[in-house]
Amino acid sequence: MGLTKDKLETIFWGKPPADPAERKFLRKIDAFVLSYVCLSYFTNYLDRANLANAYVSGMREAVDFKGNEYTYAVSMFTAGYIIGQYPSALVLSSNRISPRFWFPFCGSCWGIITLGLAFVKTPHQVWGLRLIQGFFEASTFCGTHYVLGAWYKDGELGRRSAVFTSSAQLGTLFSGVMQGGIIKNLNGKHGLAGWQWLFIVDFIITVPVAIYGFIVFPGLPHTTQAFWIKPEERELCIRRSPPQEHTTLTIKSLGKNLKAVVTSWQFYTFPILFGVGSCAYEKTGNYSEFLFWLRWTGDYTPSHINYYPCIYTAWGIVGTYLLTMYSDLTANRFIIQPIVYTTTVISCVMLLVWDISTGAKFFAYIVSGCGYAVQVTNFAWATSVTRDNEVVRAVTIFSMNVVGNCWTLWYNIVCWPVVDVPKFRNGQIATLITGAAMIGLAAFMLYLERRFPPKIKDNSETFSTTVFGGKAVTQTVIADEERISPGPGRDESIDEKNVEVGQVHIGTV
């Protein structure tokens, strides 16, 4: 029974540590670290998406939006979100401001700004608040991937990242029902319109999560002072954490580290892989093609139009987790690209043919939901190959989001304009082309990884388990670092050394 339980845990959550103390501590990390970042991302998404709900629920008339003023408000958020990426990357990698304070601080700020949106009087006020809100919300998505990479080994990381990413998709399932309930039950209460209550309730949800973060979120393993980590567990934090280089960033070292960034292959490839690939593989979710088709047919009630896309979202959650689990078990991040592209091809080809049954169209829209697995595995892959420089890791991870948002700005207009409803023929063709190109890029990145491997790697103890009748291999326990020659972007001033089990190199440059 115990063996079966361990095998199931290995498959679905990662191999449990052999040491009972470490196993117990890993569960504590899951309980505090993972719970906070998931709740934070949930509120992040909720506060980000509420403007659209408010706009169609009375805010448009109350604030007197005209012409494209609402579109400008959306664009101002995107601008703030892009601007905020690199400051957050430098804050997190500086080792001067702990994520323990930075994340909850940013959460508190965007929560307060959300409350302010309930009392705006003009579109210009909305623009200003959304710009600042985007800046603070920029810390969460990529920042969390950065922090998870510090706490979890490569064999543990993918599935935790999938759970984190799914919290936004769960927000999608929850937000529509919640927002509708607020409009129905609170409109006119205490002299406030329903759209105002949307922002107030979102604020009420967001601030307690930020307070929870201030109390329990531990920051990074090598600097944590969290109350729930016992003195003997602090040593375990370092011993079990993935091998990585830690440098306290100074004005003098900033230029040196930025040079390492711009000379690294990871900085140029991962942002393109994620930014362009996510626009292709997540097409149904990004461009609401399923929703638009349901509305276009005229055969479905408003409630059906809102509920049927939840099937796609649910499959996105399940499919993302299953594929990420497979990626962890096989220690293969690349393989997810062709698997997901296959489902994308099926979807695109069926919709390009178009003259198919209604059930076939449902299948075509829903099958592409597992595309979210690519973003999860891409971030896990980027983390594993940038452990030897925190600034490179942080800037690369945040650049992935920057490129994704910048690519979306024009790609959405050119390839997925609303006037192409319902077929979106140009979008389907663009998806097939960009998806194929990203597989080629990922294959090239595999070559670069083997040609210029990181100086510090999570060379973990290999374990095997039987999955669907075959052997699955992954990495779980840190071993010594290999002695290798520096590749592009590698700082030769870092002496080649053998990193002992769990050792963390810390220095000030």
Protein backbone atom coordinates (compact mmCIF):
# COMPACT_ATOMS: atom_id res chain seq x y z
CA MET A 1 0.00 0.00 0.00
CA GLY A 2 2.81 2.39 0.94
CA LEU A 3 4.63 1.63 -2.31
CA THR A 4 1.50 2.26 -4.35
CA LYS A 5 0.89 5.55 -2.53
CA ASP A 6 4.46 6.70 -3.20
CA LYS A 7 4.17 5.70 -6.86
CA LEU A 8 0.92 7.64 -7.27
CA GLU A 9 2.45 10.64 -5.54
CA THR A 10 5.46 10.35 -7.83
CA ILE A 11 3.27 10.38 -10.92
CA PHE A 12 0.87 13.14 -9.93
CA TRP A 13 2.97 15.40 -7.69
CA GLY A 14 6.61 14.35 -7.99
CA LYS A 15 8.72 11.78 -6.16
CA PRO A 16 8.47 12.33 -2.40
CA PRO A 17 11.86 12.84 -0.69
CA ALA A 18 13.27 9.78 1.02
CA ASP A 19 14.07 11.79 4.15
CA PRO A 20 10.86 12.07 6.26
CA ALA A 21 11.93 15.51 7.52
CA GLU A 22 12.38 16.80 3.97
CA ARG A 23 9.09 15.24 2.89
CA LYS A 24 7.29 17.03 5.71
CA PHE A 25 9.06 20.28 4.88
CA LEU A 26 8.14 20.02 1.19
CA ARG A 27 4.50 19.76 2.17
CA LYS A 28 4.90 22.89 4.27
CA ILE A 29 6.37 24.69 1.24
CA ASP A 30 3.39 23.60 -0.82
CA ALA A 31 0.99 24.73 1.90
CA PHE A 32 2.42 28.22 2.34
CA VAL A 33 4.29 29.14 -0.85
CA LEU A 34 1.94 27.57 -3.38
CA SER A 35 -1.23 28.62 -1.58
CA TYR A 36 -0.19 32.26 -1.46
CA VAL A 37 1.00 32.59 -5.06
CA CYS A 38 -2.16 30.88 -6.36
CA LEU A 39 -4.43 33.15 -4.33
CA SER A 40 -2.39 36.17 -5.38
CA TYR A 41 -2.61 35.30 -9.07
CA PHE A 42 -6.33 34.62 -8.69
CA THR A 43 -6.90 38.14 -7.31
CA ASN A 44 -4.46 39.52 -9.88
CA TYR A 45 -6.59 38.14 -12.67
CA LEU A 46 -9.84 39.11 -10.96
CA ASP A 47 -8.81 42.74 -10.53
CA ARG A 48 -7.39 42.86 -14.05
CA ALA A 49 -10.51 41.51 -15.74
CA ASN A 50 -13.16 43.40 -13.80
CA LEU A 51 -13.06 46.53 -15.99
CA ALA A 52 -14.83 44.73 -18.86
CA ASN A 53 -17.58 43.50 -16.54
CA ALA A 54 -18.01 46.97 -15.05
CA TYR A 55 -18.05 48.60 -18.48
CA VAL A 56 -21.02 46.55 -19.70
CA SER A 57 -22.78 46.89 -16.33
CA GLY A 58 -23.26 50.65 -16.20
CA MET A 59 -19.75 52.12 -15.93
CA ARG A 60 -19.78 53.19 -19.57
CA GLU A 61 -22.69 55.56 -19.00
CA ALA A 62 -21.68 56.67 -15.49
CA VAL A 63 -18.14 57.65 -16.49
CA ASP A 64 -19.23 58.83 -19.95
CA PHE A 65 -16.91 56.69 -22.09
CA LYS A 66 -16.98 57.76 -25.73
CA GLY A 67 -15.49 56.31 -28.91
CA ASN A 68 -12.31 54.33 -28.23
CA GLU A 69 -11.82 55.64 -24.68
CA TYR A 70 -12.46 52.18 -23.21
CA THR A 71 -9.91 50.67 -25.61
CA TYR A 72 -7.41 53.28 -24.42
CA ALA A 73 -8.06 52.20 -20.82
CA VAL A 74 -7.26 48.60 -21.76
CA SER A 75 -4.12 49.74 -23.59
CA MET A 76 -2.99 51.83 -20.60
CA PHE A 77 -3.09 48.71 -18.43
CA THR A 78 -1.04 46.81 -21.01
CA ALA A 79 1.47 49.67 -21.13
CA GLY A 80 1.85 49.69 -17.35
CA TYR A 81 2.12 45.91 -17.33
CA ILE A 82 4.96 45.98 -19.86
CA ILE A 83 6.76 48.87 -18.12
CA GLY A 84 6.59 47.06 -14.77
CA GLN A 85 8.25 43.84 -15.94
CA TYR A 86 11.93 44.80 -15.77
CA PRO A 87 11.82 46.79 -12.50
CA SER A 88 10.26 43.73 -10.86
CA ALA A 89 12.90 41.49 -12.43
CA LEU A 90 15.72 43.61 -10.97
CA VAL A 91 14.03 43.88 -7.57
CA LEU A 92 13.65 40.11 -7.29
CA SER A 93 17.17 39.30 -8.48
CA SER A 94 18.90 42.03 -6.47
CA ASN A 95 18.81 40.12 -3.16
CA ARG A 96 18.09 43.48 -1.51
CA ILE A 97 14.29 43.49 -1.38
CA SER A 98 12.78 40.14 -0.47
CA PRO A 99 9.82 38.78 -2.47
CA ARG A 100 8.31 38.24 0.98
CA PHE A 101 7.65 41.99 1.07
CA TRP A 102 7.60 42.88 -2.64
CA PHE A 103 4.77 40.54 -3.66
CA PRO A 104 2.32 41.49 -0.86
CA PHE A 105 3.23 45.18 -1.29
CA CYS A 106 2.37 45.05 -4.98
CA GLY A 107 -0.81 43.13 -4.18
CA SER A 108 -1.85 45.78 -1.67
CA CYS A 109 -1.19 48.53 -4.22
CA TRP A 110 -3.24 47.02 -7.03
CA GLY A 111 -6.01 46.23 -4.53
CA ILE A 112 -6.18 49.87 -3.40
CA ILE A 113 -6.16 51.03 -7.03
CA THR A 114 -9.01 48.62 -7.76
CA LEU A 115 -10.99 50.29 -4.97
CA GLY A 116 -10.20 53.68 -6.48
CA LEU A 117 -11.75 52.63 -9.78
CA ALA A 118 -15.13 52.41 -8.01
CA PHE A 119 -15.16 56.17 -7.58
CA VAL A 120 -13.78 57.52 -10.86
CA LYS A 121 -15.63 60.31 -12.62
CA THR A 122 -13.85 60.59 -15.98
CA PRO A 123 -12.19 58.26 -18.51
CA HIS A 124 -8.88 60.03 -17.89
CA GLN A 125 -8.96 58.96 -14.24
CA VAL A 126 -9.56 55.39 -15.38
CA TRP A 127 -6.56 55.61 -17.74
CA GLY A 128 -4.23 56.81 -14.98
CA LEU A 129 -5.32 54.21 -12.45
CA ARG A 130 -5.14 51.37 -14.95
CA LEU A 131 -1.61 52.37 -15.94
CA ILE A 132 -0.45 52.19 -12.32
CA GLN A 133 -2.45 49.02 -11.70
CA GLY A 134 -0.73 47.33 -14.63
CA PHE A 135 2.68 48.33 -13.25
CA PHE A 136 2.07 46.63 -9.91
CA GLU A 137 0.33 43.59 -11.36
CA ALA A 138 3.41 42.98 -13.53
CA SER A 139 5.19 41.52 -10.49
CA THR A 140 3.00 38.45 -10.12
CA PHE A 141 3.07 36.08 -13.08
CA CYS A 142 6.75 36.02 -14.00
CA GLY A 143 7.83 36.83 -10.45
CA THR A 144 6.08 33.72 -9.20
CA HIS A 145 7.77 31.54 -11.80
CA TYR A 146 11.08 33.02 -10.61
CA VAL A 147 10.32 32.25 -6.95
CA LEU A 148 8.98 28.75 -7.63
CA GLY A 149 12.22 28.00 -9.47
CA ALA A 150 14.12 28.86 -6.29
CA TRP A 151 12.06 26.60 -4.02
CA TYR A 152 11.46 23.56 -6.20
CA LYS A 153 13.79 21.16 -7.96
CA ASP A 154 13.40 20.60 -11.68
CA GLY A 155 11.47 17.36 -11.15
CA GLU A 156 9.03 19.14 -8.81
CA LEU A 157 8.68 22.42 -10.64
CA GLY A 158 6.43 21.68 -13.62
CA ARG A 159 3.41 20.39 -11.76
CA ARG A 160 3.56 23.20 -9.19
CA SER A 161 3.79 25.72 -12.03
CA ALA A 162 0.76 24.09 -13.65
CA VAL A 163 -1.26 24.48 -10.46
CA PHE A 164 -0.20 28.14 -10.24
CA THR A 165 -1.13 28.84 -13.87
CA SER A 166 -4.46 27.06 -13.46
CA SER A 167 -5.43 29.46 -10.68
CA ALA A 168 -6.06 32.10 -13.36
CA GLN A 169 -8.19 29.66 -15.36
CA LEU A 170 -10.13 28.85 -12.20
CA GLY A 171 -10.59 32.60 -11.88
CA THR A 172 -12.15 32.54 -15.34
CA LEU A 173 -14.68 29.93 -14.19
CA PHE A 174 -15.42 31.80 -10.97
CA SER A 175 -15.34 35.45 -11.99
CA GLY A 176 -18.33 35.45 -14.36
CA VAL A 177 -20.63 33.85 -11.79
CA MET A 178 -19.35 36.11 -8.99
CA GLN A 179 -19.61 39.30 -11.01
CA GLY A 180 -23.11 38.44 -12.15
CA GLY A 181 -24.16 37.82 -8.55
CA ILE A 182 -22.74 41.16 -7.43
CA ILE A 183 -24.60 43.08 -10.14
CA LYS A 184 -27.85 41.28 -9.33
CA ASN A 185 -27.77 41.53 -5.54
CA LEU A 186 -25.82 44.71 -4.70
CA ASN A 187 -26.91 47.18 -7.37
CA GLY A 188 -28.21 50.31 -5.61
CA LYS A 189 -27.08 49.24 -2.12
CA HIS A 190 -25.93 52.23 -0.04
CA GLY A 191 -26.34 54.46 -3.05
CA LEU A 192 -23.69 52.65 -5.11
CA ALA A 193 -24.21 51.18 -8.56
CA GLY A 194 -23.55 47.50 -9.27
CA TRP A 195 -20.42 48.28 -11.29
CA GLN A 196 -18.99 50.16 -8.29
CA TRP A 197 -19.61 47.17 -6.05
CA LEU A 198 -17.60 45.03 -8.50
CA PHE A 199 -14.47 46.97 -7.67
CA ILE A 200 -15.26 47.19 -3.96
CA VAL A 201 -15.78 43.42 -3.59
CA ASP A 202 -12.63 42.72 -5.60
CA PHE A 203 -10.74 45.00 -3.21
CA ILE A 204 -12.23 43.16 -0.22
CA ILE A 205 -10.97 39.86 -1.68
CA THR A 206 -7.53 41.19 -2.66
CA VAL A 207 -6.35 42.90 0.52
CA PRO A 208 -6.71 39.88 2.85
CA VAL A 209 -4.66 37.84 0.38
CA ALA A 210 -1.93 40.51 0.51
CA ILE A 211 -2.04 40.45 4.33
CA TYR A 212 -1.79 36.66 4.23
CA GLY A 213 1.31 37.06 2.07
CA PHE A 214 2.92 39.49 4.52
CA ILE A 215 2.39 36.90 7.27
CA VAL A 216 3.28 33.57 5.66
CA PHE A 217 5.09 34.08 2.34
CA PRO A 218 8.75 33.09 2.96
CA GLY A 219 10.49 34.91 0.10
CA LEU A 220 13.55 32.99 -1.14
CA PRO A 221 15.15 29.91 0.49
CA HIS A 222 18.58 31.44 1.18
CA THR A 223 17.20 34.57 2.91
CA THR A 224 13.91 33.43 4.41
CA GLN A 225 12.96 34.42 7.95
CA ALA A 226 9.43 33.00 7.85
CA PHE A 227 8.06 32.12 11.28
CA TRP A 228 6.79 28.71 10.17
CA ILE A 229 10.28 27.52 9.21
CA LYS A 230 12.03 25.99 12.21
CA PRO A 231 15.77 26.65 12.82
CA GLU A 232 16.70 23.14 11.68
CA GLU A 233 14.56 23.59 8.58
CA ARG A 234 16.47 26.71 7.54
CA GLU A 235 19.48 24.55 6.85
CA LEU A 236 17.19 22.15 4.99
CA CYS A 237 16.02 25.10 2.85
CA ILE A 238 19.53 25.49 1.48
CA ARG A 239 20.33 21.78 1.31
CA ARG A 240 17.25 20.80 -0.71
CA SER A 241 16.98 23.92 -2.90
CA PRO A 242 18.21 23.65 -6.51
CA PRO A 243 21.87 24.68 -6.96
CA GLN A 244 21.96 28.31 -8.03
CA GLU A 245 24.17 31.38 -8.04
CA HIS A 246 23.15 34.22 -5.71
CA THR A 247 24.70 37.66 -6.07
CA THR A 248 23.79 40.81 -4.19
CA LEU A 249 23.27 43.34 -6.93
CA THR A 250 25.19 46.63 -6.70
CA ILE A 251 25.56 49.62 -9.00
CA LYS A 252 29.01 48.31 -9.92
CA SER A 253 27.76 44.83 -10.78
CA LEU A 254 24.63 45.93 -12.62
CA GLY A 255 26.43 46.56 -15.92
CA LYS A 256 28.32 43.28 -15.62
CA ASN A 257 25.12 41.35 -15.04
CA LEU A 258 23.29 43.10 -17.84
CA LYS A 259 26.16 42.18 -20.14
CA ALA A 260 25.65 38.56 -19.09
CA VAL A 261 21.99 38.96 -20.01
CA VAL A 262 22.50 40.34 -23.52
CA THR A 263 25.19 37.78 -24.35
CA SER A 264 23.12 34.79 -23.24
CA TRP A 265 21.23 32.65 -25.74
CA GLN A 266 18.37 32.23 -23.29
CA PHE A 267 17.53 35.96 -23.34
CA TYR A 268 16.88 35.90 -27.10
CA THR A 269 15.16 32.55 -27.51
CA PHE A 270 12.81 31.95 -24.58
CA PRO A 271 10.90 35.25 -24.94
CA ILE A 272 10.21 34.46 -28.60
CA LEU A 273 9.30 30.85 -27.82
CA PHE A 274 6.81 31.90 -25.17
CA GLY A 275 5.57 35.18 -26.65
CA VAL A 276 4.88 33.89 -30.16
CA GLY A 277 4.03 30.33 -29.12
CA SER A 278 1.40 31.31 -26.55
CA CYS A 279 -0.42 33.40 -29.18
CA ALA A 280 -0.60 30.29 -31.35
CA TYR A 281 -1.28 27.50 -28.88
CA GLU A 282 -3.75 29.46 -26.72
CA LYS A 283 -5.76 30.81 -29.64
CA THR A 284 -9.21 29.77 -28.45
CA GLY A 285 -8.73 31.41 -25.07
CA ASN A 286 -6.81 34.46 -26.28
CA TYR A 287 -9.16 35.44 -29.08
CA SER A 288 -12.50 34.16 -27.72
CA GLU A 289 -13.26 32.40 -31.02
CA PHE A 290 -15.48 29.82 -29.28
CA LEU A 291 -17.50 32.56 -27.56
CA PHE A 292 -17.83 34.58 -30.77
CA TRP A 293 -19.02 31.55 -32.72
CA LEU A 294 -21.66 30.69 -30.12
CA ARG A 295 -22.98 34.25 -30.28
CA TRP A 296 -22.80 34.35 -34.09
CA THR A 297 -24.99 31.26 -34.53
CA GLY A 298 -27.95 32.85 -32.75
CA ASP A 299 -28.89 29.41 -31.45
CA TYR A 300 -27.80 29.84 -27.83
CA THR A 301 -29.10 31.81 -24.87
CA PRO A 302 -26.82 34.33 -23.12
CA SER A 303 -26.31 31.89 -20.26
CA HIS A 304 -25.27 29.13 -22.67
CA ILE A 305 -22.87 31.51 -24.41
CA ASN A 306 -21.18 32.15 -21.06
CA TYR A 307 -21.23 28.59 -19.77
CA TYR A 308 -20.18 26.49 -22.79
CA PRO A 309 -16.68 28.02 -22.98
CA CYS A 310 -16.18 26.77 -19.42
CA ILE A 311 -15.77 23.30 -20.98
CA TYR A 312 -12.74 24.61 -22.85
CA THR A 313 -11.36 26.16 -19.66
CA ALA A 314 -11.91 22.96 -17.67
CA TRP A 315 -10.10 20.90 -20.31
CA GLY A 316 -7.35 23.54 -20.29
CA ILE A 317 -6.81 22.95 -16.57
CA VAL A 318 -6.85 19.15 -16.82
CA GLY A 319 -4.85 18.97 -20.06
CA THR A 320 -2.22 21.39 -18.80
CA TYR A 321 -1.69 19.39 -15.64
CA LEU A 322 -1.52 16.01 -17.41
CA LEU A 323 0.98 17.22 -20.02
CA THR A 324 3.10 19.01 -17.46
CA MET A 325 3.09 15.89 -15.32
CA TYR A 326 4.34 13.92 -18.32
CA SER A 327 7.02 16.52 -18.96
CA ASP A 328 8.23 16.26 -15.35
CA LEU A 329 8.21 12.48 -15.36
CA THR A 330 10.21 12.25 -18.57
CA ALA A 331 12.44 15.26 -17.80
CA ASN A 332 11.58 16.47 -21.31
CA ARG A 333 10.31 20.03 -21.75
CA PHE A 334 10.60 20.02 -25.54
CA ILE A 335 8.18 17.15 -26.15
CA ILE A 336 5.18 19.24 -25.07
CA GLN A 337 5.63 21.53 -28.07
CA PRO A 338 4.85 18.92 -30.78
CA ILE A 339 2.13 17.30 -28.68
CA VAL A 340 0.27 20.57 -28.24
CA TYR A 341 0.91 21.59 -31.84
CA THR A 342 -0.81 18.39 -32.93
CA THR A 343 -3.99 19.37 -31.09
CA THR A 344 -3.67 22.89 -32.52
CA VAL A 345 -3.40 21.53 -36.07
CA ILE A 346 -6.52 19.42 -35.53
CA SER A 347 -8.42 22.47 -34.30
CA CYS A 348 -7.22 24.80 -37.08
CA VAL A 349 -7.77 22.36 -39.93
CA MET A 350 -11.30 21.50 -38.78
CA LEU A 351 -12.19 25.19 -38.52
CA LEU A 352 -10.62 25.97 -41.88
CA VAL A 353 -12.77 23.28 -43.46
CA TRP A 354 -15.71 24.82 -41.53
CA ASP A 355 -18.52 22.79 -43.13
CA ILE A 356 -18.64 20.26 -40.31
CA SER A 357 -21.25 19.34 -37.74
CA THR A 358 -21.98 21.43 -34.66
CA GLY A 359 -20.52 18.70 -32.44
CA ALA A 360 -17.34 18.69 -34.52
CA LYS A 361 -17.03 22.47 -34.08
CA PHE A 362 -17.39 22.08 -30.32
CA PHE A 363 -14.59 19.52 -30.41
CA ALA A 364 -12.39 21.77 -32.58
CA TYR A 365 -12.68 24.66 -30.15
CA ILE A 366 -12.28 22.60 -26.99
CA VAL A 367 -9.39 20.32 -28.05
CA SER A 368 -6.93 23.23 -28.21
CA GLY A 369 -7.44 23.97 -24.50
CA CYS A 370 -4.33 22.04 -23.49
CA GLY A 371 -2.21 24.76 -25.17
CA TYR A 372 -1.60 26.32 -21.76
CA ALA A 373 0.77 23.44 -21.01
CA VAL A 374 3.35 25.03 -23.32
CA GLN A 375 3.65 28.20 -21.24
CA VAL A 376 4.11 26.17 -18.06
CA THR A 377 6.84 23.95 -19.49
CA ASN A 378 8.56 26.90 -21.19
CA PHE A 379 8.93 28.74 -17.89
CA ALA A 380 10.15 25.58 -16.16
CA TRP A 381 12.66 25.03 -18.97
CA ALA A 382 13.89 28.62 -18.81
CA THR A 383 14.38 28.30 -15.06
CA SER A 384 16.43 25.10 -15.32
CA VAL A 385 18.93 26.55 -17.83
CA THR A 386 19.50 29.93 -16.15
CA ARG A 387 20.29 28.91 -12.59
CA ASP A 388 23.89 30.14 -12.82
CA ASN A 389 22.93 33.84 -12.94
CA GLU A 390 19.95 35.24 -11.07
CA VAL A 391 19.78 38.39 -13.16
CA VAL A 392 19.80 36.40 -16.40
CA ARG A 393 17.07 34.16 -15.00
CA ALA A 394 14.90 37.06 -13.83
CA VAL A 395 15.29 39.21 -16.94
CA THR A 396 14.75 36.24 -19.26
CA ILE A 397 11.60 35.15 -17.46
CA PHE A 398 10.14 38.65 -17.37
CA SER A 399 11.13 39.24 -21.01
CA MET A 400 8.99 36.26 -21.95
CA ASN A 401 5.95 38.16 -20.71
CA VAL A 402 7.08 41.43 -22.33
CA VAL A 403 7.46 39.84 -25.76
CA GLY A 404 4.15 38.02 -25.35
CA ASN A 405 2.29 41.25 -24.63
CA CYS A 406 4.08 43.20 -27.37
CA TRP A 407 3.44 40.45 -29.94
CA THR A 408 -0.25 40.35 -28.99
CA LEU A 409 -0.67 44.09 -29.58
CA TRP A 410 -0.29 43.78 -33.35
CA TYR A 411 -0.96 40.07 -33.91
CA ASN A 412 -4.47 40.37 -32.52
CA ILE A 413 -5.32 43.23 -34.87
CA VAL A 414 -3.74 41.78 -38.01
CA CYS A 415 -4.57 38.08 -37.70
CA TRP A 416 -7.62 37.93 -35.43
CA PRO A 417 -9.77 41.04 -36.15
CA VAL A 418 -13.35 40.80 -34.92
CA VAL A 419 -14.59 41.44 -38.46
CA ASP A 420 -13.41 37.90 -39.31
CA VAL A 421 -16.00 36.33 -37.00
CA PRO A 422 -16.78 33.44 -36.98
CA LYS A 423 -14.24 31.64 -39.18
CA PHE A 424 -11.10 33.68 -38.42
CA ARG A 425 -9.47 32.13 -41.47
CA ASN A 426 -6.36 34.32 -41.34
CA GLY A 427 -5.93 33.57 -37.65
CA GLN A 428 -6.11 29.81 -38.19
CA ILE A 429 -3.49 29.96 -40.96
CA ALA A 430 -1.22 32.23 -38.88
CA THR A 431 -1.52 29.78 -35.98
CA LEU A 432 -0.41 26.84 -38.13
CA ILE A 433 2.62 28.78 -39.40
CA THR A 434 3.77 30.29 -36.09
CA GLY A 435 3.21 27.01 -34.22
CA ALA A 436 5.42 25.11 -36.67
CA ALA A 437 8.07 27.83 -36.45
CA MET A 438 8.10 27.56 -32.65
CA ILE A 439 8.77 23.82 -32.82
CA GLY A 440 11.76 24.57 -35.03
CA LEU A 441 12.95 27.22 -32.56
CA ALA A 442 12.53 24.83 -29.62
CA ALA A 443 14.60 22.18 -31.44
CA PHE A 444 17.33 24.78 -32.03
CA MET A 445 17.22 25.68 -28.33
CA LEU A 446 17.77 22.02 -27.44
CA TYR A 447 20.97 22.19 -29.49
CA LEU A 448 22.04 25.40 -27.72
CA GLU A 449 21.34 23.88 -24.31
CA ARG A 450 23.60 20.92 -25.08
CA ARG A 451 26.25 23.07 -26.77
CA PHE A 452 26.36 25.69 -23.99
CA PRO A 453 25.01 24.02 -20.82
CA PRO A 454 24.66 26.13 -17.65
CA LYS A 455 27.54 26.10 -15.20
CA ILE A 456 25.12 25.18 -12.44
CA LYS A 457 22.58 22.47 -13.16
CA ASP A 458 20.09 20.43 -11.19
CA ASN A 459 21.72 17.08 -11.99
CA SER A 460 19.33 15.15 -9.83
CA GLU A 461 19.20 11.56 -8.79
CA THR A 462 17.36 9.65 -11.48
CA PHE A 463 14.35 7.58 -10.58
CA SER A 464 12.08 5.40 -12.65
CA THR A 465 8.44 4.57 -12.41
CA THR A 466 6.04 2.74 -14.66
CA VAL A 467 3.65 5.07 -16.44
CA PHE A 468 1.16 3.66 -18.93
CA GLY A 469 3.33 0.58 -19.37
CA GLY A 470 6.61 2.40 -20.04
CA LYS A 471 9.54 3.77 -18.11
CA ALA A 472 9.44 7.43 -17.12
CA VAL A 473 12.59 9.13 -15.89
CA THR A 474 12.91 12.45 -14.09
CA GLN A 475 15.31 14.36 -11.85
CA THR A 476 14.73 14.97 -8.17
CA VAL A 477 17.83 15.15 -6.00
CA ILE A 478 20.70 17.57 -6.44
CA ALA A 479 24.08 16.17 -7.41
CA ASP A 480 27.46 17.75 -8.06
CA GLU A 481 27.82 20.35 -10.76
CA GLU A 482 29.66 19.27 -13.87
CA ARG A 483 32.89 21.04 -14.77
CA ILE A 484 32.27 22.59 -18.15
CA SER A 485 33.65 25.30 -20.35
CA PRO A 486 31.77 28.60 -20.28
CA GLY A 487 29.45 29.27 -23.21
CA PRO A 488 27.96 32.50 -24.50
CA GLY A 489 26.84 34.74 -21.67
CA ARG A 490 28.68 32.73 -19.01
CA ASP A 491 30.80 34.75 -16.61
CA GLU A 492 34.30 33.27 -16.69
CA SER A 493 35.13 35.08 -13.44
CA ILE A 494 32.98 32.51 -11.63
CA ASP A 495 35.46 29.76 -10.90
CA GLU A 496 34.55 26.32 -12.05
CA LYS A 497 33.72 24.46 -8.93
CA ASN A 498 31.94 21.38 -7.70
CA VAL A 499 28.73 22.43 -6.00
CA GLU A 500 28.15 20.17 -3.02
CA VAL A 501 24.73 18.72 -2.46
CA GLY A 502 22.42 21.63 -1.68
CA GLN A 503 25.24 24.21 -1.72
CA VAL A 504 24.30 27.78 -2.66
CA HIS A 505 27.01 30.15 -3.82
CA ILE A 506 26.43 33.68 -2.50
CA GLY A 507 28.56 36.65 -3.26
CA THR A 508 28.62 40.42 -3.65
CA VAL A 509 30.13 41.77 -6.80
